N, C-alpha and C. Protein backbone atom coordinates (compact mmCIF):
# COMPACT_ATOMS: atom_id res chain seq x y z
N MET A 1 14.01 64.66 88.60
CA MET A 1 13.96 65.59 87.57
C MET A 1 15.27 65.62 86.79
N GLU A 2 15.20 65.67 85.43
CA GLU A 2 16.31 65.40 84.60
C GLU A 2 17.20 66.79 84.54
N LYS A 3 18.50 66.60 84.68
CA LYS A 3 19.43 67.71 84.69
C LYS A 3 19.52 68.31 83.38
N ILE A 4 19.39 69.51 82.93
CA ILE A 4 19.58 70.08 81.67
C ILE A 4 20.90 70.56 81.57
N THR A 5 21.50 69.87 80.53
CA THR A 5 22.92 70.35 80.17
C THR A 5 22.96 71.07 78.71
N PRO A 6 23.94 71.87 78.49
CA PRO A 6 24.04 72.46 77.26
C PRO A 6 23.97 71.54 75.99
N ASP A 7 24.36 70.22 76.17
CA ASP A 7 24.37 69.30 75.05
C ASP A 7 22.90 68.92 74.59
N ASN A 8 21.92 68.95 75.67
CA ASN A 8 20.51 68.63 75.38
C ASN A 8 20.02 69.35 74.21
N GLY A 9 20.25 70.55 74.25
CA GLY A 9 19.72 71.37 73.01
C GLY A 9 20.26 71.02 71.76
N LYS A 10 21.55 70.61 71.80
CA LYS A 10 22.35 70.19 70.53
C LYS A 10 21.86 68.95 70.06
N THR A 11 21.59 68.00 71.00
CA THR A 11 21.12 66.61 70.64
C THR A 11 19.72 66.65 69.96
N ILE A 12 18.80 67.45 70.64
CA ILE A 12 17.51 67.60 70.10
C ILE A 12 17.52 68.26 68.69
N ALA A 13 18.37 69.25 68.62
CA ALA A 13 18.39 70.00 67.36
C ALA A 13 18.81 69.09 66.25
N ILE A 14 19.94 68.28 66.60
CA ILE A 14 20.30 67.39 65.40
C ILE A 14 19.29 66.32 65.12
N ILE A 15 18.62 65.73 66.16
CA ILE A 15 17.49 64.89 65.92
C ILE A 15 16.42 65.37 65.15
N SER A 16 16.15 66.80 65.16
CA SER A 16 15.02 67.26 64.45
C SER A 16 15.29 67.17 62.97
N TYR A 17 16.46 67.06 62.54
CA TYR A 17 16.83 66.92 60.95
C TYR A 17 16.83 65.53 60.46
N ILE A 18 16.73 64.47 61.33
CA ILE A 18 16.76 63.23 60.82
C ILE A 18 15.47 62.58 60.69
N THR A 19 14.88 62.65 59.48
CA THR A 19 13.63 62.16 59.06
C THR A 19 12.42 62.78 59.81
N LEU A 20 11.25 62.53 59.29
CA LEU A 20 10.10 63.05 59.84
C LEU A 20 9.90 62.58 61.30
N ILE A 21 10.27 61.43 61.49
CA ILE A 21 10.20 60.70 62.79
C ILE A 21 11.05 61.46 63.86
N GLY A 22 12.15 61.78 63.36
CA GLY A 22 13.13 62.56 64.26
C GLY A 22 12.61 63.94 64.56
N LEU A 23 11.81 64.57 63.71
CA LEU A 23 11.28 65.80 63.80
C LEU A 23 10.30 65.74 64.96
N ILE A 24 9.40 64.82 64.87
CA ILE A 24 8.36 64.58 65.86
C ILE A 24 8.95 64.25 67.19
N LEU A 25 9.90 63.32 67.25
CA LEU A 25 10.64 62.96 68.46
C LEU A 25 11.21 64.31 69.07
N ALA A 26 11.95 65.07 68.33
CA ALA A 26 12.53 66.16 68.81
C ALA A 26 11.44 67.20 69.34
N PHE A 27 10.41 67.24 68.66
CA PHE A 27 9.32 68.23 69.16
C PHE A 27 8.86 67.72 70.54
N VAL A 28 8.56 66.47 70.68
CA VAL A 28 8.16 65.90 72.01
C VAL A 28 9.22 66.10 73.13
N MET A 29 10.55 65.79 72.66
CA MET A 29 11.57 65.94 73.65
C MET A 29 11.58 67.34 74.14
N ASN A 30 11.42 68.34 73.31
CA ASN A 30 11.61 69.70 73.59
C ASN A 30 10.39 70.36 74.14
N HIS A 31 9.28 69.68 74.19
CA HIS A 31 7.89 70.26 74.57
C HIS A 31 7.99 70.89 75.90
N ASP A 32 8.56 70.22 77.01
CA ASP A 32 8.60 70.80 78.32
C ASP A 32 9.83 71.73 78.53
N LYS A 33 10.89 71.33 77.94
CA LYS A 33 12.14 72.12 78.20
C LYS A 33 12.28 73.49 77.60
N LYS A 34 11.80 73.44 76.29
CA LYS A 34 11.84 74.74 75.44
C LYS A 34 13.15 75.25 75.31
N LEU A 35 14.17 74.49 75.04
CA LEU A 35 15.56 74.95 74.90
C LEU A 35 15.64 75.69 73.63
N PRO A 36 16.24 76.93 73.64
CA PRO A 36 16.20 77.78 72.52
C PRO A 36 16.85 77.21 71.29
N LEU A 37 17.93 76.50 71.45
CA LEU A 37 18.77 75.99 70.21
C LEU A 37 17.82 74.86 69.52
N ALA A 38 17.19 74.09 70.44
CA ALA A 38 16.41 73.04 69.88
C ALA A 38 15.14 73.55 69.24
N SER A 39 14.56 74.52 69.83
CA SER A 39 13.25 75.07 69.34
C SER A 39 13.54 75.75 68.00
N TYR A 40 14.70 76.44 67.90
CA TYR A 40 15.00 77.17 66.58
C TYR A 40 15.21 76.14 65.42
N HIS A 41 15.98 74.99 65.78
CA HIS A 41 16.14 74.06 64.72
C HIS A 41 14.90 73.13 64.38
N ILE A 42 14.15 73.06 65.39
CA ILE A 42 12.83 72.32 65.09
C ILE A 42 11.92 73.16 64.13
N ARG A 43 11.97 74.38 64.28
CA ARG A 43 11.23 75.36 63.39
C ARG A 43 11.78 75.26 61.95
N GLN A 44 13.12 75.30 61.91
CA GLN A 44 13.80 75.21 60.53
C GLN A 44 13.49 73.83 59.79
N SER A 45 13.60 72.73 60.53
CA SER A 45 13.37 71.44 60.09
C SER A 45 11.85 71.23 59.61
N LEU A 46 11.00 71.86 60.46
CA LEU A 46 9.55 71.74 60.10
C LEU A 46 9.24 72.52 58.76
N GLY A 47 9.90 73.64 58.72
CA GLY A 47 9.67 74.44 57.42
C GLY A 47 10.18 73.67 56.15
N ILE A 48 11.30 72.96 56.32
CA ILE A 48 11.98 72.23 55.29
C ILE A 48 10.95 71.11 54.80
N VAL A 49 10.48 70.41 55.88
CA VAL A 49 9.52 69.20 55.61
C VAL A 49 8.24 69.70 55.05
N LEU A 50 7.62 70.73 55.44
CA LEU A 50 6.55 71.23 54.89
C LEU A 50 6.69 71.81 53.48
N SER A 51 7.88 72.42 53.25
CA SER A 51 8.14 72.87 51.88
C SER A 51 8.19 71.72 50.93
N TYR A 52 8.85 70.59 51.41
CA TYR A 52 8.97 69.37 50.58
C TYR A 52 7.59 68.88 50.20
N LEU A 53 6.70 68.83 51.14
CA LEU A 53 5.34 68.31 50.88
C LEU A 53 4.64 69.21 49.86
N VAL A 54 4.74 70.48 50.04
CA VAL A 54 4.17 71.44 49.05
C VAL A 54 4.79 71.22 47.63
N LEU A 55 5.93 70.94 47.53
CA LEU A 55 6.70 70.66 46.33
C LEU A 55 6.25 69.39 45.74
N GLY A 56 5.80 68.44 46.55
CA GLY A 56 5.32 67.26 46.13
C GLY A 56 3.94 67.38 45.20
N PHE A 57 3.14 68.36 45.69
CA PHE A 57 1.91 68.65 45.00
C PHE A 57 2.28 69.26 43.65
N VAL A 58 3.20 70.13 43.57
CA VAL A 58 3.71 70.66 42.27
C VAL A 58 4.17 69.65 41.21
N ASN A 59 4.67 68.53 41.82
CA ASN A 59 5.15 67.39 40.97
C ASN A 59 4.18 66.80 40.02
N VAL A 60 2.86 66.94 40.44
CA VAL A 60 1.78 66.32 39.55
C VAL A 60 1.55 67.04 38.27
N ILE A 61 2.05 68.18 38.14
CA ILE A 61 1.92 68.95 36.90
C ILE A 61 3.02 68.37 35.92
N PRO A 62 2.56 67.97 34.79
CA PRO A 62 3.45 67.36 33.76
C PRO A 62 4.58 68.33 33.33
N LEU A 63 5.72 67.81 33.30
CA LEU A 63 6.79 68.48 32.69
C LEU A 63 7.31 69.71 33.49
N LEU A 64 6.69 70.80 33.44
CA LEU A 64 7.07 71.99 34.20
C LEU A 64 7.10 71.76 35.73
N GLY A 65 6.06 71.04 36.15
CA GLY A 65 6.04 70.71 37.68
C GLY A 65 7.12 69.81 38.05
N GLN A 66 7.50 68.90 37.13
CA GLN A 66 8.53 67.96 37.43
C GLN A 66 9.84 68.59 37.35
N MET A 67 10.00 69.58 36.50
CA MET A 67 11.30 70.37 36.57
C MET A 67 11.46 71.32 37.73
N VAL A 68 10.37 71.86 38.12
CA VAL A 68 10.28 72.56 39.37
C VAL A 68 10.56 71.74 40.58
N PHE A 69 10.04 70.49 40.61
CA PHE A 69 10.26 69.64 41.73
C PHE A 69 11.74 69.30 41.88
N VAL A 70 12.39 68.91 40.73
CA VAL A 70 13.84 68.52 40.72
C VAL A 70 14.64 69.68 41.25
N VAL A 71 14.46 70.86 40.73
CA VAL A 71 15.19 72.11 41.28
C VAL A 71 14.90 72.33 42.68
N GLY A 72 13.61 72.28 43.12
CA GLY A 72 13.29 72.48 44.48
C GLY A 72 13.65 71.45 45.48
N ALA A 73 13.76 70.23 44.96
CA ALA A 73 14.33 69.13 45.92
C ALA A 73 15.84 69.35 46.11
N ILE A 74 16.57 69.80 45.02
CA ILE A 74 17.93 69.99 45.19
C ILE A 74 18.19 71.17 46.23
N LEU A 75 17.35 72.26 46.04
CA LEU A 75 17.51 73.44 47.07
C LEU A 75 17.12 72.95 48.41
N LEU A 76 16.09 72.19 48.61
CA LEU A 76 15.77 71.71 49.96
C LEU A 76 16.83 70.84 50.57
N LEU A 77 17.44 70.03 49.73
CA LEU A 77 18.60 69.17 50.24
C LEU A 77 19.78 70.08 50.62
N ILE A 78 20.02 71.13 50.03
CA ILE A 78 21.02 72.09 50.36
C ILE A 78 20.68 72.75 51.74
N MET A 79 19.40 73.11 51.88
CA MET A 79 18.96 73.68 53.00
C MET A 79 19.10 72.76 54.19
N TRP A 80 18.59 71.50 54.00
CA TRP A 80 18.66 70.53 54.95
C TRP A 80 20.06 70.37 55.52
N ILE A 81 20.96 70.23 54.59
CA ILE A 81 22.41 69.92 55.03
C ILE A 81 23.05 71.17 55.79
N LYS A 82 22.63 72.36 55.31
CA LYS A 82 23.14 73.51 55.98
C LYS A 82 22.48 73.65 57.45
N GLY A 83 21.20 73.30 57.61
CA GLY A 83 20.69 73.34 58.92
C GLY A 83 21.09 72.26 59.76
N LEU A 84 21.49 71.12 59.18
CA LEU A 84 22.13 70.07 60.03
C LEU A 84 23.49 70.46 60.51
N ILE A 85 24.32 71.06 59.67
CA ILE A 85 25.54 71.49 60.03
C ILE A 85 25.52 72.65 61.13
N ASN A 86 24.53 73.56 60.93
CA ASN A 86 24.29 74.53 61.87
C ASN A 86 23.96 73.93 63.27
N ALA A 87 23.11 72.87 63.29
CA ALA A 87 22.71 72.34 64.54
C ALA A 87 23.98 71.64 65.20
N VAL A 88 24.75 70.91 64.45
CA VAL A 88 25.96 70.29 64.93
C VAL A 88 26.88 71.27 65.52
N ASN A 89 27.05 72.48 64.87
CA ASN A 89 27.91 73.58 65.35
C ASN A 89 27.32 74.53 66.33
N GLU A 90 26.03 74.11 66.72
CA GLU A 90 25.28 74.93 67.78
C GLU A 90 24.98 76.37 67.38
N LYS A 91 24.87 76.64 66.09
CA LYS A 91 24.62 77.95 65.64
C LYS A 91 23.09 78.06 65.33
N MET A 92 22.56 79.25 65.66
CA MET A 92 21.16 79.59 65.39
C MET A 92 21.04 80.48 64.16
N GLU A 93 21.53 79.96 62.92
CA GLU A 93 21.51 80.66 61.71
C GLU A 93 20.34 80.04 60.83
N PRO A 94 19.65 80.93 60.07
CA PRO A 94 18.65 80.31 59.26
C PRO A 94 19.11 79.64 58.12
N VAL A 95 18.39 78.62 57.65
CA VAL A 95 18.79 77.79 56.48
C VAL A 95 18.64 78.86 55.20
N PRO A 96 19.36 78.71 54.17
CA PRO A 96 19.24 79.63 52.93
C PRO A 96 17.93 79.62 52.48
N LEU A 97 17.69 80.82 51.92
CA LEU A 97 16.43 81.19 51.24
C LEU A 97 15.21 81.47 52.09
N LEU A 98 14.70 80.39 52.69
CA LEU A 98 13.44 80.41 53.46
C LEU A 98 13.55 80.44 55.03
N GLY A 99 14.76 80.25 55.49
CA GLY A 99 15.02 80.15 56.90
C GLY A 99 14.35 81.22 57.84
N ASN A 100 14.63 82.45 57.39
CA ASN A 100 13.99 83.58 58.17
C ASN A 100 12.49 83.54 58.27
N TYR A 101 11.87 83.06 57.25
CA TYR A 101 10.45 82.90 57.05
C TYR A 101 9.96 81.84 57.98
N PHE A 102 10.71 80.68 58.05
CA PHE A 102 10.32 79.58 58.83
C PHE A 102 10.49 79.91 60.35
N ALA A 103 11.45 80.78 60.64
CA ALA A 103 11.58 81.21 62.09
C ALA A 103 10.50 82.10 62.53
N ASN A 104 9.84 82.96 61.52
CA ASN A 104 8.71 83.87 61.83
C ASN A 104 7.39 83.09 61.83
N TRP A 105 7.20 82.22 60.82
CA TRP A 105 5.98 81.50 60.65
C TRP A 105 5.62 80.51 61.84
N PHE A 106 6.79 79.80 62.19
CA PHE A 106 6.61 78.84 63.45
C PHE A 106 7.19 79.35 64.68
N SER A 107 7.06 80.66 64.99
CA SER A 107 7.66 81.19 66.15
C SER A 107 7.00 80.68 67.52
N THR A 108 5.75 80.20 67.45
CA THR A 108 5.08 79.67 68.53
C THR A 108 5.71 78.24 69.01
N ILE A 109 6.48 77.58 68.19
CA ILE A 109 6.99 76.21 68.53
C ILE A 109 8.26 76.46 69.41
């Protein structure tokens, strides 16, 4: 049986922010352990990824949709950076704007 150390939650939390593959890998790694720090950041990262996918659909609207996409992508980048910094510092703080919603919507993860 693998020994659980405090670092395991931090490592999984950081991995969850590194690409979609990292998010899936973090979800699988945390499936049995359910470490609170890792679970929290997986929820935040999942929310950012899904928000970006929704934003991609808005991008098909000419001009206005493209402007919304650019602004939204910049905001999501800021959210992603803040989430990654929180994971590195082992903080369970929500990402700006939508982080509290992500924590509630994906509370079962």
